[in-house]
Amino acid sequence: MSAEDCQKELMGLLKEQFNLRMQRATGQLAQTANLRVVRRNIARLRTVMNEQKGKQ
């Protein structure tokens, strides 16, 4: 995945995380585990991005 693709994916995950947090705050979030999954996906993506940055 290119750096540009990683950045777009990261922005999408951050927006999803924000929406899930808002749903939790208003009591509309049914599956709270989704929040953890998205948070871990963000961490994975940031790790990959940092590894790619270090190789350059």
C-alpha atoms as a PDB file:
ATOM      1  CA  MET A   1       0.000   0.000   0.000  1.00  0.00           C
ATOM      2  CA  SER A   2       1.398   3.389  -0.919  1.00  0.00           C
ATOM      3  CA  ALA A   3       1.796   6.223   1.572  1.00  0.00           C
ATOM      4  CA  GLU A   4      -1.108   8.065  -0.027  1.00  0.00           C
ATOM      5  CA  ASP A   5      -3.386   5.031   0.290  1.00  0.00           C
ATOM      6  CA  CYS A   6      -2.359   4.570   3.914  1.00  0.00           C
ATOM      7  CA  GLN A   7      -3.158   8.199   4.660  1.00  0.00           C
ATOM      8  CA  LYS A   8      -6.616   7.922   3.062  1.00  0.00           C
ATOM      9  CA  GLU A   9      -7.325   4.713   4.986  1.00  0.00           C
ATOM     10  CA  LEU A  10      -6.197   6.356   8.231  1.00  0.00           C
ATOM     11  CA  MET A  11      -8.501   9.332   7.679  1.00  0.00           C
ATOM     12  CA  GLY A  12     -11.416   6.985   7.017  1.00  0.00           C
ATOM     13  CA  LEU A  13     -10.718   5.025  10.204  1.00  0.00           C
ATOM     14  CA  LEU A  14     -10.422   8.200  12.269  1.00  0.00           C
ATOM     15  CA  LYS A  15     -13.784   9.421  10.957  1.00  0.00           C
ATOM     16  CA  GLU A  16     -15.329   6.040  11.754  1.00  0.00           C
ATOM     17  CA  GLN A  17     -13.869   6.174  15.257  1.00  0.00           C
ATOM     18  CA  PHE A  18     -15.337   9.642  15.768  1.00  0.00           C
ATOM     19  CA  ASN A  19     -18.773   8.485  14.613  1.00  0.00           C
ATOM     20  CA  LEU A  20     -18.646   5.475  16.931  1.00  0.00           C
ATOM     21  CA  ARG A  21     -17.655   7.684  19.871  1.00  0.00           C
ATOM     22  CA  MET A  22     -20.580   9.997  19.180  1.00  0.00           C
ATOM     23  CA  GLN A  23     -22.949   7.033  18.974  1.00  0.00           C
ATOM     24  CA  ARG A  24     -21.639   5.740  22.307  1.00  0.00           C
ATOM     25  CA  ALA A  25     -22.087   9.145  23.924  1.00  0.00           C
ATOM     26  CA  THR A  26     -25.704   9.387  22.769  1.00  0.00           C
ATOM     27  CA  GLY A  27     -26.478   5.786  23.706  1.00  0.00           C
ATOM     28  CA  GLN A  28     -27.040   4.615  20.124  1.00  0.00           C
ATOM     29  CA  LEU A  29     -24.047   2.261  19.889  1.00  0.00           C
ATOM     30  CA  ALA A  30     -25.234  -1.350  20.071  1.00  0.00           C
ATOM     31  CA  GLN A  31     -21.933  -3.164  19.507  1.00  0.00           C
ATOM     32  CA  THR A  32     -19.329  -1.514  21.684  1.00  0.00           C
ATOM     33  CA  ALA A  33     -16.636  -3.946  20.494  1.00  0.00           C
ATOM     34  CA  ASN A  34     -16.539  -2.100  17.158  1.00  0.00           C
ATOM     35  CA  LEU A  35     -14.851   0.810  18.902  1.00  0.00           C
ATOM     36  CA  ARG A  36     -11.981  -1.428  20.020  1.00  0.00           C
ATOM     37  CA  VAL A  37     -11.634  -2.981  16.571  1.00  0.00           C
ATOM     38  CA  VAL A  38     -11.382   0.414  14.880  1.00  0.00           C
ATOM     39  CA  ARG A  39      -8.896   1.673  17.472  1.00  0.00           C
ATOM     40  CA  ARG A  40      -6.666  -1.354  16.917  1.00  0.00           C
ATOM     41  CA  ASN A  41      -6.888  -0.995  13.137  1.00  0.00           C
ATOM     42  CA  ILE A  42      -5.731   2.603  13.493  1.00  0.00           C
ATOM     43  CA  ALA A  43      -2.781   1.455  15.592  1.00  0.00           C
ATOM     44  CA  ARG A  44      -1.879  -1.237  13.043  1.00  0.00           C
ATOM     45  CA  LEU A  45      -1.984   1.222  10.180  1.00  0.00           C
ATOM     46  CA  ARG A  46       0.110   3.790  12.036  1.00  0.00           C
ATOM     47  CA  THR A  47       2.665   1.074  12.831  1.00  0.00           C
ATOM     48  CA  VAL A  48       2.933   0.130   9.163  1.00  0.00           C
ATOM     49  CA  MET A  49       3.264   3.772   8.171  1.00  0.00           C
ATOM     50  CA  ASN A  50       6.070   4.319  10.708  1.00  0.00           C
ATOM     51  CA  GLU A  51       7.885   1.196   9.489  1.00  0.00           C
ATOM     52  CA  GLN A  52       7.688   2.414   5.908  1.00  0.00           C
ATOM     53  CA  LYS A  53       8.941   5.840   6.954  1.00  0.00           C
ATOM     54  CA  GLY A  54      11.934   4.275   8.698  1.00  0.00           C
ATOM     55  CA  LYS A  55      12.967   2.310   5.616  1.00  0.00           C
ATOM     56  CA  GLN A  56      13.235   5.422   3.456  1.00  0.00           C
END
